[in-house]
C-alpha atoms as a PDB file:
ATOM      1  CA  UNK A   1       1.266 -17.338  40.671  1.00  0.00           C
ATOM      2  CA  UNK A   2       1.283 -19.940  38.060  1.00  0.00           C
ATOM      3  CA  UNK A   3      -2.492 -19.955  37.765  1.00  0.00           C
ATOM      4  CA  UNK A   4      -2.749 -16.336  37.088  1.00  0.00           C
ATOM      5  CA  UNK A   5      -0.073 -16.368  34.529  1.00  0.00           C
ATOM      6  CA  UNK A   6      -1.620 -19.352  32.712  1.00  0.00           C
ATOM      7  CA  UNK A   7      -4.890 -17.914  32.763  1.00  0.00           C
ATOM      8  CA  UNK A   8      -3.584 -14.548  31.341  1.00  0.00           C
ATOM      9  CA  UNK A   9      -2.021 -16.433  28.451  1.00  0.00           C
ATOM     10  CA  UNK A  10      -5.015 -18.624  27.769  1.00  0.00           C
ATOM     11  CA  UNK A  11      -7.230 -15.522  27.833  1.00  0.00           C
ATOM     12  CA  UNK A  12      -4.772 -13.567  25.530  1.00  0.00           C
ATOM     13  CA  UNK A  13      -4.699 -16.370  22.856  1.00  0.00           C
ATOM     14  CA  UNK A  14      -8.312 -17.677  23.048  1.00  0.00           C
ATOM     15  CA  UNK A  15      -9.640 -14.077  22.680  1.00  0.00           C
ATOM     16  CA  UNK A  16      -7.291 -13.369  19.914  1.00  0.00           C
ATOM     17  CA  UNK A  17      -8.193 -16.577  18.098  1.00  0.00           C
ATOM     18  CA  UNK A  18     -11.866 -15.791  17.844  1.00  0.00           C
ATOM     19  CA  UNK A  19     -11.086 -12.221  16.842  1.00  0.00           C
ATOM     20  CA  UNK A  20      -8.776 -13.405  13.884  1.00  0.00           C
ATOM     21  CA  UNK A  21     -10.709 -16.626  13.061  1.00  0.00           C
ATOM     22  CA  UNK A  22     -14.281 -15.484  13.264  1.00  0.00           C
ATOM     23  CA  UNK A  23     -14.378 -11.573  13.202  1.00  0.00           C
ATOM     24  CA  UNK A  24     -11.559 -11.077  10.857  1.00  0.00           C
ATOM     25  CA  UNK A  25     -11.173 -13.829   8.430  1.00  0.00           C
ATOM     26  CA  UNK A  26     -14.816 -14.930   8.355  1.00  0.00           C
ATOM     27  CA  UNK A  27     -17.059 -12.052   9.131  1.00  0.00           C
ATOM     28  CA  UNK A  28     -14.937  -9.344   7.203  1.00  0.00           C
ATOM     29  CA  UNK A  29     -13.302 -11.367   4.386  1.00  0.00           C
ATOM     30  CA  UNK A  30     -15.144 -14.597   3.922  1.00  0.00           C
ATOM     31  CA  UNK A  31     -12.027 -16.667   3.935  1.00  0.00           C
ATOM     32  CA  UNK A  32     -14.082 -19.764   4.663  1.00  0.00           C
ATOM     33  CA  UNK A  33     -17.666 -20.820   5.055  1.00  0.00           C
ATOM     34  CA  UNK A  34     -19.537 -22.745   7.624  1.00  0.00           C
ATOM     35  CA  UNK A  35     -23.162 -23.767   8.303  1.00  0.00           C
ATOM     36  CA  UNK A  36     -25.507 -21.445  10.235  1.00  0.00           C
ATOM     37  CA  UNK A  37     -25.834 -23.757  13.037  1.00  0.00           C
ATOM     38  CA  UNK A  38     -21.843 -23.733  13.406  1.00  0.00           C
ATOM     39  CA  UNK A  39     -21.951 -20.021  12.982  1.00  0.00           C
ATOM     40  CA  UNK A  40     -24.334 -19.728  15.935  1.00  0.00           C
ATOM     41  CA  UNK A  41     -21.959 -21.826  18.045  1.00  0.00           C
ATOM     42  CA  UNK A  42     -18.982 -19.788  17.241  1.00  0.00           C
ATOM     43  CA  UNK A  43     -20.820 -16.606  18.102  1.00  0.00           C
ATOM     44  CA  UNK A  44     -21.419 -18.048  21.644  1.00  0.00           C
ATOM     45  CA  UNK A  45     -17.732 -19.225  21.776  1.00  0.00           C
ATOM     46  CA  UNK A  46     -16.653 -15.712  20.842  1.00  0.00           C
ATOM     47  CA  UNK A  47     -18.603 -14.486  23.717  1.00  0.00           C
ATOM     48  CA  UNK A  48     -17.227 -17.033  26.098  1.00  0.00           C
ATOM     49  CA  UNK A  49     -13.529 -16.410  25.127  1.00  0.00           C
ATOM     50  CA  UNK A  50     -13.590 -12.650  24.643  1.00  0.00           C
ATOM     51  CA  UNK A  51     -15.728 -12.230  27.784  1.00  0.00           C
ATOM     52  CA  UNK A  52     -15.972  -8.481  28.690  1.00  0.00           C
ATOM     53  CA  UNK A  53     -14.196  -7.784  25.437  1.00  0.00           C
ATOM     54  CA  UNK A  54     -16.902  -9.149  23.153  1.00  0.00           C
ATOM     55  CA  UNK A  55     -17.035  -7.710  19.663  1.00  0.00           C
ATOM     56  CA  UNK A  56     -20.032  -7.821  17.249  1.00  0.00           C
ATOM     57  CA  UNK A  57     -19.182  -9.780  14.319  1.00  0.00           C
ATOM     58  CA  UNK A  58     -21.225  -7.230  12.265  1.00  0.00           C
ATOM     59  CA  UNK A  59     -19.698  -4.212  13.695  1.00  0.00           C
ATOM     60  CA  UNK A  60     -16.186  -5.497  13.310  1.00  0.00           C
ATOM     61  CA  UNK A  61     -16.764  -6.966   9.744  1.00  0.00           C
ATOM     62  CA  UNK A  62     -18.095  -3.792   8.441  1.00  0.00           C
ATOM     63  CA  UNK A  63     -15.558  -1.525  10.037  1.00  0.00           C
ATOM     64  CA  UNK A  64     -12.687  -3.706   8.865  1.00  0.00           C
ATOM     65  CA  UNK A  65     -14.025  -3.718   5.253  1.00  0.00           C
ATOM     66  CA  UNK A  66     -13.965   0.104   5.479  1.00  0.00           C
ATOM     67  CA  UNK A  67     -10.432  -0.039   6.774  1.00  0.00           C
ATOM     68  CA  UNK A  68      -9.383  -1.986   3.689  1.00  0.00           C
ATOM     69  CA  UNK A  69     -11.265   0.354   1.305  1.00  0.00           C
ATOM     70  CA  UNK A  70      -9.988   3.417   2.858  1.00  0.00           C
ATOM     71  CA  UNK A  71      -6.664   2.447   4.252  1.00  0.00           C
ATOM     72  CA  UNK A  72      -4.577   5.541   5.283  1.00  0.00           C
ATOM     73  CA  UNK A  73      -7.008   8.053   4.076  1.00  0.00           C
ATOM     74  CA  UNK A  74      -9.126  10.361   6.118  1.00  0.00           C
ATOM     75  CA  UNK A  75     -11.977   7.829   5.785  1.00  0.00           C
ATOM     76  CA  UNK A  76     -10.081   5.145   7.446  1.00  0.00           C
ATOM     77  CA  UNK A  77     -11.611   4.019  10.795  1.00  0.00           C
ATOM     78  CA  UNK A  78      -8.073   3.807  12.361  1.00  0.00           C
ATOM     79  CA  UNK A  79      -4.911   5.022  10.723  1.00  0.00           C
ATOM     80  CA  UNK A  80      -1.663   6.400  12.490  1.00  0.00           C
ATOM     81  CA  UNK A  81      -1.388   8.663   9.516  1.00  0.00           C
ATOM     82  CA  UNK A  82      -4.383  10.721  10.533  1.00  0.00           C
ATOM     83  CA  UNK A  83      -4.450  10.235  14.249  1.00  0.00           C
ATOM     84  CA  UNK A  84      -1.962  12.022  16.439  1.00  0.00           C
ATOM     85  CA  UNK A  85      -1.431   9.104  18.977  1.00  0.00           C
ATOM     86  CA  UNK A  86      -2.591   5.412  19.650  1.00  0.00           C
ATOM     87  CA  UNK A  87      -5.090   6.582  22.314  1.00  0.00           C
ATOM     88  CA  UNK A  88      -6.658   8.964  19.890  1.00  0.00           C
ATOM     89  CA  UNK A  89      -6.817   6.167  17.252  1.00  0.00           C
ATOM     90  CA  UNK A  90      -8.311   3.723  19.601  1.00  0.00           C
ATOM     91  CA  UNK A  91     -11.021   5.943  20.711  1.00  0.00           C
ATOM     92  CA  UNK A  92     -11.890   6.847  17.024  1.00  0.00           C
ATOM     93  CA  UNK A  93     -11.813   3.166  16.517  1.00  0.00           C
ATOM     94  CA  UNK A  94     -14.307   2.528  19.373  1.00  0.00           C
ATOM     95  CA  UNK A  95     -16.661   5.442  18.245  1.00  0.00           C
ATOM     96  CA  UNK A  96     -16.863   4.184  14.637  1.00  0.00           C
ATOM     97  CA  UNK A  97     -17.433   0.475  15.635  1.00  0.00           C
ATOM     98  CA  UNK A  98     -20.115   1.514  18.154  1.00  0.00           C
ATOM     99  CA  UNK A  99     -21.887   3.677  15.534  1.00  0.00           C
ATOM    100  CA  UNK A 100     -21.746   0.831  13.019  1.00  0.00           C
ATOM    101  CA  UNK A 101     -22.843  -1.856  15.479  1.00  0.00           C
ATOM    102  CA  UNK A 102     -25.816   0.245  16.682  1.00  0.00           C
ATOM    103  CA  UNK A 103     -26.688   1.341  13.073  1.00  0.00           C
ATOM    104  CA  UNK A 104     -26.652   4.994  13.853  1.00  0.00           C
ATOM    105  CA  UNK A 105     -24.657   5.880  10.792  1.00  0.00           C
ATOM    106  CA  UNK A 106     -25.384   5.137   7.101  1.00  0.00           C
ATOM    107  CA  UNK A 107     -22.990   2.513   5.651  1.00  0.00           C
ATOM    108  CA  UNK A 108     -22.255   1.782   2.069  1.00  0.00           C
ATOM    109  CA  UNK A 109     -24.223  -1.564   1.158  1.00  0.00           C
ATOM    110  CA  UNK A 110     -20.907  -3.033  -0.266  1.00  0.00           C
ATOM    111  CA  UNK A 111     -19.471  -3.104   3.314  1.00  0.00           C
ATOM    112  CA  UNK A 112     -22.551  -5.023   4.862  1.00  0.00           C
ATOM    113  CA  UNK A 113     -23.116  -7.748   2.167  1.00  0.00           C
ATOM    114  CA  UNK A 114     -23.080 -11.249   3.841  1.00  0.00           C
ATOM    115  CA  UNK A 115     -21.542 -10.044   7.130  1.00  0.00           C
ATOM    116  CA  UNK A 116     -22.900 -12.450   9.742  1.00  0.00           C
ATOM    117  CA  UNK A 117     -25.362 -10.802  12.172  1.00  0.00           C
ATOM    118  CA  UNK A 118     -27.209 -12.058  15.335  1.00  0.00           C
ATOM    119  CA  UNK A 119     -28.766  -8.874  16.661  1.00  0.00           C
ATOM    120  CA  UNK A 120     -30.499 -10.549  19.804  1.00  0.00           C
ATOM    121  CA  UNK A 121     -27.284 -12.392  20.853  1.00  0.00           C
ATOM    122  CA  UNK A 122     -25.202  -9.175  20.238  1.00  0.00           C
ATOM    123  CA  UNK A 123     -27.482  -7.136  22.434  1.00  0.00           C
ATOM    124  CA  UNK A 124     -26.982  -9.566  25.268  1.00  0.00           C
ATOM    125  CA  UNK A 125     -23.297 -10.169  24.717  1.00  0.00           C
ATOM    126  CA  UNK A 126     -22.568  -6.445  24.516  1.00  0.00           C
ATOM    127  CA  UNK A 127     -24.649  -5.373  27.335  1.00  0.00           C
ATOM    128  CA  UNK A 128     -23.077  -3.773  30.549  1.00  0.00           C
ATOM    129  CA  UNK A 129     -24.666  -6.517  32.461  1.00  0.00           C
ATOM    130  CA  UNK A 130     -22.681  -9.182  30.571  1.00  0.00           C
ATOM    131  CA  UNK A 131     -19.454  -7.121  30.696  1.00  0.00           C
ATOM    132  CA  UNK A 132     -19.829  -6.599  34.348  1.00  0.00           C
ATOM    133  CA  UNK A 133     -20.321 -10.300  35.185  1.00  0.00           C
ATOM    134  CA  UNK A 134     -17.309 -11.262  33.283  1.00  0.00           C
ATOM    135  CA  UNK A 135     -15.324  -8.444  34.946  1.00  0.00           C
ATOM    136  CA  UNK A 136     -16.292  -9.737  38.402  1.00  0.00           C
ATOM    137  CA  UNK A 137     -15.366 -13.313  37.371  1.00  0.00           C
ATOM    138  CA  UNK A 138     -11.914 -12.213  36.464  1.00  0.00           C
ATOM    139  CA  UNK A 139     -11.615 -10.282  39.594  1.00  0.00           C
ATOM    140  CA  UNK A 140     -12.664 -13.270  41.691  1.00  0.00           C
ATOM    141  CA  UNK A 141     -10.182 -15.555  40.063  1.00  0.00           C
ATOM    142  CA  UNK A 142      -7.428 -13.016  40.726  1.00  0.00           C
ATOM    143  CA  UNK A 143      -8.682 -12.750  44.484  1.00  0.00           C
ATOM    144  CA  UNK A 144      -8.318 -16.467  44.861  1.00  0.00           C
ATOM    145  CA  UNK A 145      -5.029 -17.168  43.024  1.00  0.00           C
ATOM    146  CA  UNK A 146      -2.953 -13.865  43.043  1.00  0.00           C
ATOM    147  CA  UNK A 147      -0.153 -14.425  45.564  1.00  0.00           C
ATOM    148  CA  UNK A 148       1.936 -11.393  44.955  1.00  0.00           C
ATOM    149  CA  UNK A 149       0.861  -7.739  44.513  1.00  0.00           C
ATOM    150  CA  UNK A 150       2.294  -7.335  40.997  1.00  0.00           C
ATOM    151  CA  UNK A 151       0.039  -9.927  39.432  1.00  0.00           C
ATOM    152  CA  UNK A 152      -2.875  -7.585  40.098  1.00  0.00           C
ATOM    153  CA  UNK A 153      -1.321  -5.371  37.427  1.00  0.00           C
ATOM    154  CA  UNK A 154      -2.459  -7.805  34.769  1.00  0.00           C
ATOM    155  CA  UNK A 155      -6.176  -7.758  35.758  1.00  0.00           C
ATOM    156  CA  UNK A 156      -7.162  -4.551  33.953  1.00  0.00           C
ATOM    157  CA  UNK A 157      -5.707  -5.986  30.803  1.00  0.00           C
ATOM    158  CA  UNK A 158      -8.269  -8.706  30.772  1.00  0.00           C
ATOM    159  CA  UNK A 159     -10.880  -5.991  30.415  1.00  0.00           C
ATOM    160  CA  UNK A 160      -9.613  -4.666  27.361  1.00  0.00           C
ATOM    161  CA  UNK A 161      -7.770  -7.376  25.472  1.00  0.00           C
ATOM    162  CA  UNK A 162      -9.465  -6.865  22.291  1.00  0.00           C
ATOM    163  CA  UNK A 163      -8.791  -3.152  22.023  1.00  0.00           C
ATOM    164  CA  UNK A 164      -5.124  -3.998  22.847  1.00  0.00           C
ATOM    165  CA  UNK A 165      -5.024  -6.622  20.063  1.00  0.00           C
ATOM    166  CA  UNK A 166      -6.504  -4.185  17.630  1.00  0.00           C
ATOM    167  CA  UNK A 167      -4.171  -1.288  18.670  1.00  0.00           C
ATOM    168  CA  UNK A 168      -1.008  -3.425  18.212  1.00  0.00           C
ATOM    169  CA  UNK A 169      -2.045  -4.100  14.688  1.00  0.00           C
ATOM    170  CA  UNK A 170      -3.624  -0.969  13.567  1.00  0.00           C
ATOM    171  CA  UNK A 171      -1.028   1.236  15.068  1.00  0.00           C
ATOM    172  CA  UNK A 172       2.295  -0.589  15.193  1.00  0.00           C
ATOM    173  CA  UNK A 173       1.950  -2.663  12.034  1.00  0.00           C
ATOM    174  CA  UNK A 174       1.355   0.562  10.064  1.00  0.00           C
ATOM    175  CA  UNK A 175       4.610   2.033  11.377  1.00  0.00           C
ATOM    176  CA  UNK A 176       7.133  -0.626  12.262  1.00  0.00           C
ATOM    177  CA  UNK A 177       8.313  -3.828  10.419  1.00  0.00           C
ATOM    178  CA  UNK A 178       9.104  -4.976   6.903  1.00  0.00           C
ATOM    179  CA  UNK A 179       7.175  -5.086   3.712  1.00  0.00           C
ATOM    180  CA  UNK A 180       6.940  -7.970   1.139  1.00  0.00           C
ATOM    181  CA  UNK A 181       4.696  -6.060  -1.288  1.00  0.00           C
ATOM    182  CA  UNK A 182       4.278  -2.351  -2.216  1.00  0.00           C
ATOM    183  CA  UNK A 183       0.635  -1.660  -1.702  1.00  0.00           C
ATOM    184  CA  UNK A 184      -1.248   1.663  -1.525  1.00  0.00           C
ATOM    185  CA  UNK A 185      -1.011   2.005   2.285  1.00  0.00           C
ATOM    186  CA  UNK A 186       1.477   1.930   5.026  1.00  0.00           C
ATOM    187  CA  UNK A 187       0.762  -1.724   6.088  1.00  0.00           C
ATOM    188  CA  UNK A 188       3.820  -3.617   7.345  1.00  0.00           C
ATOM    189  CA  UNK A 189       4.583  -7.167   8.853  1.00  0.00           C
ATOM    190  CA  UNK A 190       5.180  -6.233  12.348  1.00  0.00           C
ATOM    191  CA  UNK A 191       6.829  -9.510  13.412  1.00  0.00           C
ATOM    192  CA  UNK A 192       9.074 -11.893  11.432  1.00  0.00           C
ATOM    193  CA  UNK A 193       7.781 -14.761  13.524  1.00  0.00           C
ATOM    194  CA  UNK A 194       4.480 -14.148  15.007  1.00  0.00           C
ATOM    195  CA  UNK A 195       4.446 -15.714  18.314  1.00  0.00           C
ATOM    196  CA  UNK A 196       2.241 -12.882  19.675  1.00  0.00           C
ATOM    197  CA  UNK A 197      -0.639 -12.135  17.281  1.00  0.00           C
ATOM    198  CA  UNK A 198      -1.617 -15.667  15.673  1.00  0.00           C
ATOM    199  CA  UNK A 199      -0.810 -14.375  12.203  1.00  0.00           C
ATOM    200  CA  UNK A 200      -2.347 -11.016  12.449  1.00  0.00           C
ATOM    201  CA  UNK A 201       1.099  -9.329  12.463  1.00  0.00           C
ATOM    202  CA  UNK A 202       1.736 -10.131   8.856  1.00  0.00           C
ATOM    203  CA  UNK A 203      -0.391  -7.259   8.046  1.00  0.00           C
ATOM    204  CA  UNK A 204       1.403  -6.221   4.695  1.00  0.00           C
ATOM    205  CA  UNK A 205       0.712  -9.783   3.446  1.00  0.00           C
ATOM    206  CA  UNK A 206      -2.974  -9.455   4.343  1.00  0.00           C
ATOM    207  CA  UNK A 207      -3.331  -5.976   2.743  1.00  0.00           C
ATOM    208  CA  UNK A 208      -1.916  -7.548  -0.477  1.00  0.00           C
ATOM    209  CA  UNK A 209      -4.219 -10.682  -0.382  1.00  0.00           C
ATOM    210  CA  UNK A 210      -7.022  -9.663   2.083  1.00  0.00           C
ATOM    211  CA  UNK A 211      -9.187 -12.788   1.488  1.00  0.00           C
ATOM    212  CA  UNK A 212      -6.232 -15.248   1.708  1.00  0.00           C
ATOM    213  CA  UNK A 213      -6.950 -17.523   4.666  1.00  0.00           C
ATOM    214  CA  UNK A 214      -3.149 -17.828   5.383  1.00  0.00           C
ATOM    215  CA  UNK A 215      -1.686 -14.518   6.400  1.00  0.00           C
ATOM    216  CA  UNK A 216       1.858 -15.774   6.439  1.00  0.00           C
ATOM    217  CA  UNK A 217       3.673 -18.165   4.036  1.00  0.00           C
ATOM    218  CA  UNK A 218       5.098 -15.622   1.936  1.00  0.00           C
ATOM    219  CA  UNK A 219       8.555 -16.105   3.383  1.00  0.00           C
ATOM    220  CA  UNK A 220       9.931 -19.220   5.062  1.00  0.00           C
ATOM    221  CA  UNK A 221       9.720 -17.691   8.592  1.00  0.00           C
ATOM    222  CA  UNK A 222       6.160 -16.348   8.391  1.00  0.00           C
ATOM    223  CA  UNK A 223       4.177 -18.998  10.240  1.00  0.00           C
ATOM    224  CA  UNK A 224       0.553 -18.378  10.745  1.00  0.00           C
ATOM    225  CA  UNK A 225      -0.725 -20.353  13.752  1.00  0.00           C
ATOM    226  CA  UNK A 226      -4.458 -19.491  13.214  1.00  0.00           C
ATOM    227  CA  UNK A 227      -4.191 -20.856   9.678  1.00  0.00           C
ATOM    228  CA  UNK A 228      -3.089 -24.194  10.737  1.00  0.00           C
ATOM    229  CA  UNK A 229      -5.931 -24.530  13.274  1.00  0.00           C
ATOM    230  CA  UNK A 230      -8.260 -23.565  10.336  1.00  0.00           C
ATOM    231  CA  UNK A 231      -6.751 -26.362   8.276  1.00  0.00           C
ATOM    232  CA  UNK A 232      -7.615 -28.716  10.911  1.00  0.00           C
ATOM    233  CA  UNK A 233     -11.118 -27.503  11.231  1.00  0.00           C
ATOM    234  CA  UNK A 234     -11.337 -27.735   7.372  1.00  0.00           C
ATOM    235  CA  UNK A 235     -10.115 -31.382   7.489  1.00  0.00           C
ATOM    236  CA  UNK A 236     -12.843 -32.097  10.209  1.00  0.00           C
ATOM    237  CA  UNK A 237     -15.463 -30.490   7.814  1.00  0.00           C
ATOM    238  CA  UNK A 238     -16.398 -27.888  10.512  1.00  0.00           C
ATOM    239  CA  UNK A 239     -15.428 -25.182   8.150  1.00  0.00           C
ATOM    240  CA  UNK A 240     -14.766 -25.016   4.335  1.00  0.00           C
ATOM    241  CA  UNK A 241     -11.762 -22.957   3.348  1.00  0.00           C
ATOM    242  CA  UNK A 242     -12.057 -20.833   0.312  1.00  0.00           C
ATOM    243  CA  UNK A 243      -9.586 -21.305  -2.514  1.00  0.00           C
ATOM    244  CA  UNK A 244      -6.597 -19.124  -2.249  1.00  0.00           C
ATOM    245  CA  UNK A 245      -3.891 -17.577  -4.321  1.00  0.00           C
ATOM    246  CA  UNK A 246      -0.953 -20.013  -4.330  1.00  0.00           C
ATOM    247  CA  UNK A 247       1.956 -19.447  -1.802  1.00  0.00           C
ATOM    248  CA  UNK A 248       4.330 -19.992  -4.626  1.00  0.00           C
ATOM    249  CA  UNK A 249       2.935 -17.319  -6.870  1.00  0.00           C
ATOM    250  CA  UNK A 250       2.660 -14.895  -3.988  1.00  0.00           C
ATOM    251  CA  UNK A 251       6.248 -15.539  -2.774  1.00  0.00           C
ATOM    252  CA  UNK A 252       7.592 -15.053  -6.266  1.00  0.00           C
ATOM    253  CA  UNK A 253       5.889 -11.809  -6.529  1.00  0.00           C
ATOM    254  CA  UNK A 254       7.463 -10.761  -3.153  1.00  0.00           C
ATOM    255  CA  UNK A 255      10.880 -11.736  -4.160  1.00  0.00           C
END
């Protein structure tokens, strides 16, 4: 039983880290820079840790920029304000993301500038063959280590972790929580201490300062775990963090 629970927790946070670190903070917002070689390595690591949930950096980055530009308007790719329920919002998100990634819709060039792209790798990583192989691997792991029936209830979640992560923020963090800043949308900080989403739940802070590497830090309890990993990577010269608005100024404005 312990092996299954440990595997689930590790998959949850490793998948989430590459979503927030690579797809969100790097691809969509350019919160840091890295070499092209390092970028290719991170592409592969994203595939490994997201597995059957792999998301294209190009598709995610472009769609997320559109979300910020059109937040809580009819053009928003995902907004509780214009979708009746969370499932309808998730389907709209999936459809928009797929169209952007496949380049079957025209996108304003301002949303595509400098978004990382590796079409050949994306084609492989997003293929049904890749997704099926990862799904089989997860199932075999459960077959070997699941000792009680209810552990199998966790298996389907592995197949859709990235949509779950996205839905938590795009739905709940626009409905529930507190606000440090009055911005022109409904974004909220969903959790006062983000033990679940690696800083992503400080959504109101992020909508105020979208390119700031640290999503937390406005109030004393807002600890962003992903940011501290990024500080370490910056110190190791694997990435180079962009200059950010000082926490002191931001905190003063929030008071």
